[in-house]
């Protein structure tokens, strides 16, 4: 009987050691990474050009097949490059304004 209690004690000490080894694993956790618009990139590679965006004169919104790629790219550009403190285009500095416009043209 003493041998079975000894086996149980050794397995408990083993479990305690393995859990203490796993505590440091959170420092190597991977994040999501930078946002990228893979559909737009693959479209540009396949066709060799930019997608066509159509805004009819009687409407104020986009129409067509490529509008989802365009909207996704606008969101990525705004999240990555637009200043948080500026609510309008007029409140931004000149270099911030030109950076956004250059990114939008590409």
PDB file of N, CA and C in Angstrom:
ATOM      1  N   UNK A   1       0.799  -1.187   0.000  1.00  0.00           N
ATOM      2  CA  UNK A   1       0.000   0.000   0.000  1.00  0.00           C
ATOM      3  C   UNK A   1       0.846   1.257   0.000  1.00  0.00           C
ATOM      4  N   UNK A   2       1.958   1.189   0.660  1.00  0.00           N
ATOM      5  CA  UNK A   2       2.821   2.354   0.713  1.00  0.00           C
ATOM      6  C   UNK A   2       3.340   2.703  -0.675  1.00  0.00           C
ATOM      7  N   UNK A   3       3.481   1.683  -1.528  1.00  0.00           N
ATOM      8  CA  UNK A   3       3.997   1.943  -2.870  1.00  0.00           C
ATOM      9  C   UNK A   3       2.972   2.680  -3.727  1.00  0.00           C
ATOM     10  N   UNK A   4       1.700   2.411  -3.539  1.00  0.00           N
ATOM     11  CA  UNK A   4       0.691   3.117  -4.323  1.00  0.00           C
ATOM     12  C   UNK A   4       0.592   4.576  -3.908  1.00  0.00           C
ATOM     13  N   UNK A   5       0.781   4.872  -2.621  1.00  0.00           N
ATOM     14  CA  UNK A   5       0.758   6.272  -2.194  1.00  0.00           C
ATOM     15  C   UNK A   5       1.971   7.001  -2.732  1.00  0.00           C
ATOM     16  N   UNK A   6       3.060   6.336  -2.822  1.00  0.00           N
ATOM     17  CA  UNK A   6       4.274   6.940  -3.366  1.00  0.00           C
ATOM     18  C   UNK A   6       4.104   7.252  -4.848  1.00  0.00           C
ATOM     19  N   UNK A   7       3.434   6.353  -5.596  1.00  0.00           N
ATOM     20  CA  UNK A   7       3.203   6.601  -7.014  1.00  0.00           C
ATOM     21  C   UNK A   7       2.296   7.803  -7.224  1.00  0.00           C
ATOM     22  N   UNK A   8       1.278   7.931  -6.380  1.00  0.00           N
ATOM     23  CA  UNK A   8       0.364   9.066  -6.492  1.00  0.00           C
ATOM     24  C   UNK A   8       1.063  10.367  -6.173  1.00  0.00           C
ATOM     25  N   UNK A   9       1.963  10.342  -5.220  1.00  0.00           N
ATOM     26  CA  UNK A   9       2.679  11.564  -4.859  1.00  0.00           C
ATOM     27  C   UNK A   9       3.616  11.986  -5.968  1.00  0.00           C
ATOM     28  N   UNK A  10       4.240  11.010  -6.639  1.00  0.00           N
ATOM     29  CA  UNK A  10       5.171  11.362  -7.715  1.00  0.00           C
ATOM     30  C   UNK A  10       4.420  11.915  -8.924  1.00  0.00           C
ATOM     31  N   UNK A  11       3.230  11.405  -9.194  1.00  0.00           N
ATOM     32  CA  UNK A  11       2.465  11.923 -10.328  1.00  0.00           C
ATOM     33  C   UNK A  11       1.962  13.335 -10.042  1.00  0.00           C
ATOM     34  N   UNK A  12       1.622  13.633  -8.767  1.00  0.00           N
ATOM     35  CA  UNK A  12       1.203  14.984  -8.419  1.00  0.00           C
ATOM     36  C   UNK A  12       2.349  15.971  -8.544  1.00  0.00           C
ATOM     37  N   UNK A  13       3.525  15.563  -8.158  1.00  0.00           N
ATOM     38  CA  UNK A  13       4.666  16.477  -8.280  1.00  0.00           C
ATOM     39  C   UNK A  13       5.012  16.701  -9.740  1.00  0.00           C
ATOM     40  N   UNK A  14       4.771  15.696 -10.580  1.00  0.00           N
ATOM     41  CA  UNK A  14       5.020  15.838 -12.004  1.00  0.00           C
ATOM     42  C   UNK A  14       4.056  16.839 -12.635  1.00  0.00           C
ATOM     43  N   UNK A  15       2.804  16.771 -12.230  1.00  0.00           N
ATOM     44  CA  UNK A  15       1.803  17.684 -12.764  1.00  0.00           C
ATOM     45  C   UNK A  15       2.110  19.117 -12.348  1.00  0.00           C
ATOM     46  N   UNK A  16       2.601  19.302 -11.153  1.00  0.00           N
ATOM     47  CA  UNK A  16       2.941  20.648 -10.685  1.00  0.00           C
ATOM     48  C   UNK A  16       4.122  21.207 -11.458  1.00  0.00           C
ATOM     49  N   UNK A  17       5.083  20.342 -11.809  1.00  0.00           N
ATOM     50  CA  UNK A  17       6.244  20.832 -12.553  1.00  0.00           C
ATOM     51  C   UNK A  17       5.875  21.180 -13.984  1.00  0.00           C
ATOM     52  N   UNK A  18       5.022  20.396 -14.624  1.00  0.00           N
ATOM     53  CA  UNK A  18       4.670  20.683 -16.012  1.00  0.00           C
ATOM     54  C   UNK A  18       3.833  21.956 -16.122  1.00  0.00           C
ATOM     55  N   UNK A  19       2.982  22.231 -15.135  1.00  0.00           N
ATOM     56  CA  UNK A  19       2.181  23.449 -15.204  1.00  0.00           C
ATOM     57  C   UNK A  19       3.042  24.682 -14.953  1.00  0.00           C
ATOM     58  N   UNK A  20       4.090  24.547 -14.138  1.00  0.00           N
ATOM     59  CA  UNK A  20       4.957  25.699 -13.901  1.00  0.00           C
ATOM     60  C   UNK A  20       5.809  25.997 -15.120  1.00  0.00           C
ATOM     61  N   UNK A  21       6.074  25.004 -15.953  1.00  0.00           N
ATOM     62  CA  UNK A  21       6.856  25.221 -17.161  1.00  0.00           C
ATOM     63  C   UNK A  21       6.035  25.937 -18.226  1.00  0.00           C
ATOM     64  N   UNK A  22       4.726  25.774 -18.239  1.00  0.00           N
ATOM     65  CA  UNK A  22       3.868  26.375 -19.247  1.00  0.00           C
ATOM     66  C   UNK A  22       3.515  27.830 -18.946  1.00  0.00           C
ATOM     67  N   UNK A  23       3.840  28.326 -17.787  1.00  0.00           N
ATOM     68  CA  UNK A  23       3.463  29.684 -17.434  1.00  0.00           C
ATOM     69  C   UNK A  23       4.184  30.718 -18.281  1.00  0.00           C
ATOM     70  N   UNK A  24       5.382  30.460 -18.709  1.00  0.00           N
ATOM     71  CA  UNK A  24       6.137  31.432 -19.492  1.00  0.00           C
ATOM     72  C   UNK A  24       5.776  31.434 -20.960  1.00  0.00           C
ATOM     73  N   UNK A  25       4.843  30.601 -21.396  1.00  0.00           N
ATOM     74  CA  UNK A  25       4.530  30.498 -22.819  1.00  0.00           C
ATOM     75  C   UNK A  25       3.735  31.688 -23.345  1.00  0.00           C
ATOM     76  N   UNK A  26       3.177  32.525 -22.481  1.00  0.00           N
ATOM     77  CA  UNK A  26       2.390  33.654 -22.964  1.00  0.00           C
ATOM     78  C   UNK A  26       3.262  34.742 -23.566  1.00  0.00           C
ATOM     79  N   UNK A  27       4.538  34.770 -23.266  1.00  0.00           N
ATOM     80  CA  UNK A  27       5.409  35.802 -23.813  1.00  0.00           C
ATOM     81  C   UNK A  27       5.695  35.571 -25.295  1.00  0.00           C
ATOM     82  N   UNK A  28       5.493  34.376 -25.788  1.00  0.00           N
ATOM     83  CA  UNK A  28       5.737  34.083 -27.196  1.00  0.00           C
ATOM     84  C   UNK A  28       4.448  34.011 -28.001  1.00  0.00           C
ATOM     85  N   UNK A  29       3.381  34.550 -27.458  1.00  0.00           N
ATOM     86  CA  UNK A  29       2.090  34.520 -28.137  1.00  0.00           C
ATOM     87  C   UNK A  29       2.120  35.394 -29.380  1.00  0.00           C
ATOM     88  N   UNK A  30       1.516  34.936 -30.440  1.00  0.00           N
ATOM     89  CA  UNK A  30       1.509  35.675 -31.692  1.00  0.00           C
ATOM     90  C   UNK A  30       0.219  36.463 -31.837  1.00  0.00           C
ATOM     91  N   UNK A  31       0.320  37.667 -32.403  1.00  0.00           N
ATOM     92  CA  UNK A  31      -0.855  38.498 -32.633  1.00  0.00           C
ATOM     93  C   UNK A  31      -1.386  38.307 -34.037  1.00  0.00           C
ATOM     94  N   UNK A  32      -2.299  39.153 -34.425  1.00  0.00           N
ATOM     95  CA  UNK A  32      -2.916  39.051 -35.740  1.00  0.00           C
ATOM     96  C   UNK A  32      -2.023  39.596 -36.852  1.00  0.00           C
ATOM     97  N   UNK A  33      -1.172  40.533 -36.548  1.00  0.00           N
ATOM     98  CA  UNK A  33      -0.329  41.113 -37.580  1.00  0.00           C
ATOM     99  C   UNK A  33      -0.985  42.319 -38.224  1.00  0.00           C
ATOM    100  N   UNK A  34      -0.334  42.860 -39.230  1.00  0.00           N
ATOM    101  CA  UNK A  34      -0.849  44.041 -39.916  1.00  0.00           C
ATOM    102  C   UNK A  34      -2.004  43.670 -40.834  1.00  0.00           C
ATOM    103  N   UNK A  35      -2.923  44.598 -40.995  1.00  0.00           N
ATOM    104  CA  UNK A  35      -4.069  44.360 -41.871  1.00  0.00           C
ATOM    105  C   UNK A  35      -3.626  44.482 -43.325  1.00  0.00           C
ATOM    106  N   UNK A  36      -4.165  43.632 -44.166  1.00  0.00           N
ATOM    107  CA  UNK A  36      -3.867  43.706 -45.594  1.00  0.00           C
ATOM    108  C   UNK A  36      -5.088  43.265 -46.380  1.00  0.00           C
ATOM    109  N   UNK A  37      -5.240  43.842 -47.534  1.00  0.00           N
ATOM    110  CA  UNK A  37      -6.386  43.564 -48.385  1.00  0.00           C
ATOM    111  C   UNK A  37      -5.948  42.568 -49.459  1.00  0.00           C
ATOM    112  N   UNK A  38      -6.027  41.278 -49.153  1.00  0.00           N
ATOM    113  CA  UNK A  38      -5.530  40.253 -50.064  1.00  0.00           C
ATOM    114  C   UNK A  38      -6.316  40.185 -51.366  1.00  0.00           C
ATOM    115  N   UNK A  39      -7.612  40.466 -51.321  1.00  0.00           N
ATOM    116  CA  UNK A  39      -8.408  40.440 -52.550  1.00  0.00           C
ATOM    117  C   UNK A  39      -7.929  41.499 -53.533  1.00  0.00           C
ATOM    118  N   UNK A  40      -7.642  42.686 -53.023  1.00  0.00           N
ATOM    119  CA  UNK A  40      -7.162  43.760 -53.887  1.00  0.00           C
ATOM    120  C   UNK A  40      -5.784  43.433 -54.454  1.00  0.00           C
ATOM    121  N   UNK A  41      -4.916  42.875 -53.622  1.00  0.00           N
ATOM    122  CA  UNK A  41      -3.565  42.517 -54.078  1.00  0.00           C
ATOM    123  C   UNK A  41      -3.626  41.445 -55.168  1.00  0.00           C
ATOM    124  N   UNK A  42      -4.436  40.423 -54.971  1.00  0.00           N
ATOM    125  CA  UNK A  42      -4.527  39.357 -55.971  1.00  0.00           C
ATOM    126  C   UNK A  42      -5.190  39.856 -57.251  1.00  0.00           C
ATOM    127  N   UNK A  43      -6.169  40.764 -57.128  1.00  0.00           N
ATOM    128  CA  UNK A  43      -6.811  41.344 -58.310  1.00  0.00           C
ATOM    129  C   UNK A  43      -5.791  42.129 -59.134  1.00  0.00           C
ATOM    130  N   UNK A  44      -4.966  42.913 -58.450  1.00  0.00           N
ATOM    131  CA  UNK A  44      -3.955  43.707 -59.147  1.00  0.00           C
ATOM    132  C   UNK A  44      -2.926  42.811 -59.825  1.00  0.00           C
ATOM    133  N   UNK A  45      -2.582  41.690 -59.193  1.00  0.00           N
ATOM    134  CA  UNK A  45      -1.626  40.767 -59.801  1.00  0.00           C
ATOM    135  C   UNK A  45      -2.210  40.061 -61.015  1.00  0.00           C
ATOM    136  N   UNK A  46      -3.479  39.663 -60.924  1.00  0.00           N
ATOM    137  CA  UNK A  46      -4.103  38.936 -62.026  1.00  0.00           C
ATOM    138  C   UNK A  46      -4.357  39.828 -63.235  1.00  0.00           C
ATOM    139  N   UNK A  47      -4.882  41.014 -63.016  1.00  0.00           N
ATOM    140  CA  UNK A  47      -5.253  41.886 -64.130  1.00  0.00           C
ATOM    141  C   UNK A  47      -4.131  42.825 -64.534  1.00  0.00           C
ATOM    142  N   UNK A  48      -3.192  43.057 -63.641  1.00  0.00           N
ATOM    143  CA  UNK A  48      -2.098  43.965 -63.962  1.00  0.00           C
ATOM    144  C   UNK A  48      -2.482  45.429 -63.830  1.00  0.00           C
ATOM    145  N   UNK A  49      -3.579  45.734 -63.194  1.00  0.00           N
ATOM    146  CA  UNK A  49      -4.010  47.116 -63.033  1.00  0.00           C
ATOM    147  C   UNK A  49      -4.909  47.290 -61.833  1.00  0.00           C
ATOM    148  N   UNK A  50      -5.393  48.493 -61.683  1.00  0.00           N
ATOM    149  CA  UNK A  50      -6.279  48.814 -60.570  1.00  0.00           C
ATOM    150  C   UNK A  50      -7.720  48.464 -60.924  1.00  0.00           C
ATOM    151  N   UNK A  51      -8.535  48.122 -59.927  1.00  0.00           N
ATOM    152  CA  UNK A  51      -9.951  47.864 -60.212  1.00  0.00           C
ATOM    153  C   UNK A  51     -10.690  49.155 -60.547  1.00  0.00           C
ATOM    154  N   UNK A  52     -11.730  49.040 -61.340  1.00  0.00           N
ATOM    155  CA  UNK A  52     -12.529  50.181 -61.741  1.00  0.00           C
ATOM    156  C   UNK A  52     -13.609  50.449 -60.706  1.00  0.00           C
ATOM    157  N   UNK A  53     -13.694  51.707 -60.281  1.00  0.00           N
ATOM    158  CA  UNK A  53     -14.704  52.129 -59.319  1.00  0.00           C
ATOM    159  C   UNK A  53     -15.658  53.084 -60.035  1.00  0.00           C
ATOM    160  N   UNK A  54     -16.966  52.841 -59.928  1.00  0.00           N
ATOM    161  CA  UNK A  54     -17.956  53.663 -60.615  1.00  0.00           C
ATOM    162  C   UNK A  54     -18.821  54.384 -59.584  1.00  0.00           C
ATOM    163  N   UNK A  55     -18.897  55.725 -59.722  1.00  0.00           N
ATOM    164  CA  UNK A  55     -19.809  56.524 -58.904  1.00  0.00           C
ATOM    165  C   UNK A  55     -20.723  57.273 -59.883  1.00  0.00           C
ATOM    166  N   UNK A  56     -21.963  56.812 -60.055  1.00  0.00           N
ATOM    167  CA  UNK A  56     -22.866  57.472 -60.989  1.00  0.00           C
ATOM    168  C   UNK A  56     -23.165  58.915 -60.562  1.00  0.00           C
ATOM    169  N   UNK A  57     -23.441  59.797 -61.517  1.00  0.00           N
ATOM    170  CA  UNK A  57     -23.702  61.204 -61.185  1.00  0.00           C
ATOM    171  C   UNK A  57     -24.943  61.408 -60.317  1.00  0.00           C
ATOM    172  N   UNK A  58     -25.931  60.535 -60.440  1.00  0.00           N
ATOM    173  CA  UNK A  58     -27.156  60.712 -59.661  1.00  0.00           C
ATOM    174  C   UNK A  58     -27.096  60.078 -58.271  1.00  0.00           C
ATOM    175  N   UNK A  59     -26.024  59.336 -57.963  1.00  0.00           N
ATOM    176  CA  UNK A  59     -25.866  58.709 -56.655  1.00  0.00           C
ATOM    177  C   UNK A  59     -24.641  59.272 -55.929  1.00  0.00           C
ATOM    178  N   UNK A  60     -24.608  59.095 -54.633  1.00  0.00           N
ATOM    179  CA  UNK A  60     -23.458  59.546 -53.851  1.00  0.00           C
ATOM    180  C   UNK A  60     -22.684  58.372 -53.256  1.00  0.00           C
ATOM    181  N   UNK A  61     -22.908  57.180 -53.785  1.00  0.00           N
ATOM    182  CA  UNK A  61     -22.199  56.013 -53.271  1.00  0.00           C
ATOM    183  C   UNK A  61     -21.661  55.170 -54.416  1.00  0.00           C
ATOM    184  N   UNK A  62     -20.781  54.232 -54.082  1.00  0.00           N
ATOM    185  CA  UNK A  62     -20.162  53.382 -55.075  1.00  0.00           C
ATOM    186  C   UNK A  62     -21.136  52.327 -55.587  1.00  0.00           C
ATOM    187  N   UNK A  63     -20.925  51.941 -56.843  1.00  0.00           N
ATOM    188  CA  UNK A  63     -21.736  50.902 -57.456  1.00  0.00           C
ATOM    189  C   UNK A  63     -20.785  50.003 -58.239  1.00  0.00           C
ATOM    190  N   UNK A  64     -21.005  48.713 -58.169  1.00  0.00           N
ATOM    191  CA  UNK A  64     -20.200  47.804 -58.974  1.00  0.00           C
ATOM    192  C   UNK A  64     -19.643  46.645 -58.186  1.00  0.00           C
ATOM    193  N   UNK A  65     -18.858  45.828 -58.896  1.00  0.00           N
ATOM    194  CA  UNK A  65     -18.312  44.605 -58.310  1.00  0.00           C
ATOM    195  C   UNK A  65     -17.134  44.873 -57.371  1.00  0.00           C
ATOM    196  N   UNK A  66     -16.405  45.936 -57.588  1.00  0.00           N
ATOM    197  CA  UNK A  66     -15.167  46.165 -56.853  1.00  0.00           C
ATOM    198  C   UNK A  66     -15.332  47.048 -55.627  1.00  0.00           C
ATOM    199  N   UNK A  67     -16.539  47.417 -55.275  1.00  0.00           N
ATOM    200  CA  UNK A  67     -16.718  48.358 -54.181  1.00  0.00           C
ATOM    201  C   UNK A  67     -16.312  47.778 -52.835  1.00  0.00           C
ATOM    202  N   UNK A  68     -16.422  46.475 -52.633  1.00  0.00           N
ATOM    203  CA  UNK A  68     -16.044  45.878 -51.358  1.00  0.00           C
ATOM    204  C   UNK A  68     -14.527  45.941 -51.153  1.00  0.00           C
ATOM    205  N   UNK A  69     -13.776  45.701 -52.218  1.00  0.00           N
ATOM    206  CA  UNK A  69     -12.313  45.821 -52.121  1.00  0.00           C
ATOM    207  C   UNK A  69     -11.913  47.259 -51.817  1.00  0.00           C
ATOM    208  N   UNK A  70     -12.584  48.206 -52.461  1.00  0.00           N
ATOM    209  CA  UNK A  70     -12.273  49.621 -52.263  1.00  0.00           C
ATOM    210  C   UNK A  70     -12.591  50.057 -50.833  1.00  0.00           C
ATOM    211  N   UNK A  71     -13.755  49.652 -50.321  1.00  0.00           N
ATOM    212  CA  UNK A  71     -14.133  50.008 -48.948  1.00  0.00           C
ATOM    213  C   UNK A  71     -13.180  49.400 -47.931  1.00  0.00           C
ATOM    214  N   UNK A  72     -12.766  48.172 -48.161  1.00  0.00           N
ATOM    215  CA  UNK A  72     -11.831  47.517 -47.239  1.00  0.00           C
ATOM    216  C   UNK A  72     -10.492  48.246 -47.240  1.00  0.00           C
ATOM    217  N   UNK A  73     -10.040  48.660 -48.410  1.00  0.00           N
ATOM    218  CA  UNK A  73      -8.772  49.390 -48.501  1.00  0.00           C
ATOM    219  C   UNK A  73      -8.872  50.754 -47.822  1.00  0.00           C
ATOM    220  N   UNK A  74      -9.996  51.437 -47.972  1.00  0.00           N
ATOM    221  CA  UNK A  74     -10.185  52.715 -47.282  1.00  0.00           C
ATOM    222  C   UNK A  74     -10.139  52.550 -45.767  1.00  0.00           C
ATOM    223  N   UNK A  75     -10.766  51.511 -45.271  1.00  0.00           N
ATOM    224  CA  UNK A  75     -10.756  51.249 -43.836  1.00  0.00           C
ATOM    225  C   UNK A  75      -9.360  50.970 -43.308  1.00  0.00           C
ATOM    226  N   UNK A  76      -8.586  50.204 -44.051  1.00  0.00           N
ATOM    227  CA  UNK A  76      -7.217  49.894 -43.640  1.00  0.00           C
ATOM    228  C   UNK A  76      -6.366  51.151 -43.634  1.00  0.00           C
ATOM    229  N   UNK A  77      -6.488  51.967 -44.655  1.00  0.00           N
ATOM    230  CA  UNK A  77      -5.709  53.209 -44.731  1.00  0.00           C
ATOM    231  C   UNK A  77      -6.075  54.144 -43.589  1.00  0.00           C
ATOM    232  N   UNK A  78      -7.357  54.266 -43.302  1.00  0.00           N
ATOM    233  CA  UNK A  78      -7.788  55.151 -42.209  1.00  0.00           C
ATOM    234  C   UNK A  78      -7.306  54.653 -40.855  1.00  0.00           C
ATOM    235  N   UNK A  79      -7.393  53.353 -40.620  1.00  0.00           N
ATOM    236  CA  UNK A  79      -6.941  52.814 -39.332  1.00  0.00           C
ATOM    237  C   UNK A  79      -5.440  52.953 -39.143  1.00  0.00           C
ATOM    238  N   UNK A  80      -4.683  52.795 -40.214  1.00  0.00           N
ATOM    239  CA  UNK A  80      -3.219  52.799 -40.092  1.00  0.00           C
ATOM    240  C   UNK A  80      -2.605  54.197 -40.163  1.00  0.00           C
ATOM    241  N   UNK A  81      -3.169  55.107 -40.948  1.00  0.00           N
ATOM    242  CA  UNK A  81      -2.491  56.366 -41.232  1.00  0.00           C
ATOM    243  C   UNK A  81      -3.238  57.625 -40.792  1.00  0.00           C
ATOM    244  N   UNK A  82      -4.522  57.548 -40.538  1.00  0.00           N
ATOM    245  CA  UNK A  82      -5.271  58.755 -40.163  1.00  0.00           C
ATOM    246  C   UNK A  82      -5.028  59.083 -38.688  1.00  0.00           C
ATOM    247  N   UNK A  83      -4.831  60.361 -38.372  1.00  0.00           N
ATOM    248  CA  UNK A  83      -4.644  60.738 -36.967  1.00  0.00           C
ATOM    249  C   UNK A  83      -5.950  60.613 -36.193  1.00  0.00           C
ATOM    250  N   UNK A  84      -5.855  60.185 -34.965  1.00  0.00           N
ATOM    251  CA  UNK A  84      -7.049  59.964 -34.154  1.00  0.00           C
ATOM    252  C   UNK A  84      -7.647  61.283 -33.694  1.00  0.00           C
ATOM    253  N   UNK A  85      -6.798  62.283 -33.429  1.00  0.00           N
ATOM    254  CA  UNK A  85      -7.266  63.544 -32.859  1.00  0.00           C
ATOM    255  C   UNK A  85      -8.019  64.413 -33.871  1.00  0.00           C
ATOM    256  N   UNK A  86      -7.815  64.213 -35.159  1.00  0.00           N
ATOM    257  CA  UNK A  86      -8.449  65.056 -36.176  1.00  0.00           C
ATOM    258  C   UNK A  86      -9.798  64.474 -36.575  1.00  0.00           C
ATOM    259  N   UNK A  87     -10.845  65.276 -36.449  1.00  0.00           N
ATOM    260  CA  UNK A  87     -12.188  64.820 -36.814  1.00  0.00           C
ATOM    261  C   UNK A  87     -12.517  65.152 -38.269  1.00  0.00           C
ATOM    262  N   UNK A  88     -11.896  66.182 -38.834  1.00  0.00           N
ATOM    263  CA  UNK A  88     -12.152  66.576 -40.222  1.00  0.00           C
ATOM    264  C   UNK A  88     -10.830  66.723 -40.968  1.00  0.00           C
ATOM    265  N   UNK A  89     -10.922  66.873 -42.292  1.00  0.00           N
ATOM    266  CA  UNK A  89      -9.721  67.052 -43.110  1.00  0.00           C
ATOM    267  C   UNK A  89      -9.022  68.365 -42.766  1.00  0.00           C
ATOM    268  N   UNK A  90      -9.781  69.393 -42.390  1.00  0.00           N
ATOM    269  CA  UNK A  90      -9.203  70.699 -42.095  1.00  0.00           C
ATOM    270  C   UNK A  90      -8.380  70.696 -40.807  1.00  0.00           C
ATOM    271  N   UNK A  91      -8.704  69.813 -39.885  1.00  0.00           N
ATOM    272  CA  UNK A  91      -7.990  69.750 -38.612  1.00  0.00           C
ATOM    273  C   UNK A  91      -6.648  69.025 -38.713  1.00  0.00           C
ATOM    274  N   UNK A  92      -6.379  68.360 -39.830  1.00  0.00           N
ATOM    275  CA  UNK A  92      -5.130  67.616 -39.991  1.00  0.00           C
ATOM    276  C   UNK A  92      -4.010  68.545 -40.460  1.00  0.00           C
ATOM    277  N   UNK A  93      -2.793  68.157 -40.135  1.00  0.00           N
ATOM    278  CA  UNK A  93      -1.614  68.869 -40.635  1.00  0.00           C
ATOM    279  C   UNK A  93      -1.451  68.562 -42.117  1.00  0.00           C
ATOM    280  N   UNK A  94      -0.670  69.389 -42.807  1.00  0.00           N
ATOM    281  CA  UNK A  94      -0.482  69.206 -44.245  1.00  0.00           C
ATOM    282  C   UNK A  94       0.187  67.880 -44.583  1.00  0.00           C
ATOM    283  N   UNK A  95       1.207  67.487 -43.814  1.00  0.00           N
ATOM    284  CA  UNK A  95       1.905  66.244 -44.131  1.00  0.00           C
ATOM    285  C   UNK A  95       1.011  65.024 -43.903  1.00  0.00           C
ATOM    286  N   UNK A  96       0.108  65.094 -42.922  1.00  0.00           N
ATOM    287  CA  UNK A  96      -0.828  63.993 -42.691  1.00  0.00           C
ATOM    288  C   UNK A  96      -1.846  63.905 -43.818  1.00  0.00           C
ATOM    289  N   UNK A  97      -2.298  65.056 -44.272  1.00  0.00           N
ATOM    290  CA  UNK A  97      -3.265  65.116 -45.357  1.00  0.00           C
ATOM    291  C   UNK A  97      -2.670  64.541 -46.642  1.00  0.00           C
ATOM    292  N   UNK A  98      -1.440  64.923 -46.952  1.00  0.00           N
ATOM    293  CA  UNK A  98      -0.813  64.420 -48.182  1.00  0.00           C
ATOM    294  C   UNK A  98      -0.503  62.932 -48.078  1.00  0.00           C
ATOM    295  N   UNK A  99      -0.141  62.464 -46.894  1.00  0.00           N
ATOM    296  CA  UNK A  99       0.114  61.032 -46.715  1.00  0.00           C
ATOM    297  C   UNK A  99      -1.142  60.218 -47.013  1.00  0.00           C
ATOM    298  N   UNK A 100      -2.265  60.645 -46.503  1.00  0.00           N
ATOM    299  CA  UNK A 100      -3.521  59.937 -46.754  1.00  0.00           C
ATOM    300  C   UNK A 100      -3.908  59.983 -48.231  1.00  0.00           C
ATOM    301  N   UNK A 101      -3.754  61.139 -48.838  1.00  0.00           N
ATOM    302  CA  UNK A 101      -4.126  61.260 -50.255  1.00  0.00           C
ATOM    303  C   UNK A 101      -3.236  60.403 -51.169  1.00  0.00           C
ATOM    304  N   UNK A 102      -1.945  60.321 -50.844  1.00  0.00           N
ATOM    305  CA  UNK A 102      -1.039  59.492 -51.626  1.00  0.00           C
ATOM    306  C   UNK A 102      -1.412  58.018 -51.469  1.00  0.00           C
ATOM    307  N   UNK A 103      -1.726  57.604 -50.261  1.00  0.00           N
ATOM    308  CA  UNK A 103      -2.123  56.210 -50.020  1.00  0.00           C
ATOM    309  C   UNK A 103      -3.429  55.876 -50.745  1.00  0.00           C
ATOM    310  N   UNK A 104      -4.350  56.827 -50.793  1.00  0.00           N
ATOM    311  CA  UNK A 104      -5.620  56.596 -51.471  1.00  0.00           C
ATOM    312  C   UNK A 104      -5.453  56.477 -52.984  1.00  0.00           C
ATOM    313  N   UNK A 105      -4.492  57.180 -53.560  1.00  0.00           N
ATOM    314  CA  UNK A 105      -4.289  57.147 -55.000  1.00  0.00           C
ATOM    315  C   UNK A 105      -3.654  55.846 -55.438  1.00  0.00           C
ATOM    316  N   UNK A 106      -2.889  55.224 -54.582  1.00  0.00           N
ATOM    317  CA  UNK A 106      -2.225  53.966 -54.934  1.00  0.00           C
ATOM    318  C   UNK A 106      -3.229  52.868 -54.850  1.00  0.00           C
TER     319      UNK A 106
END
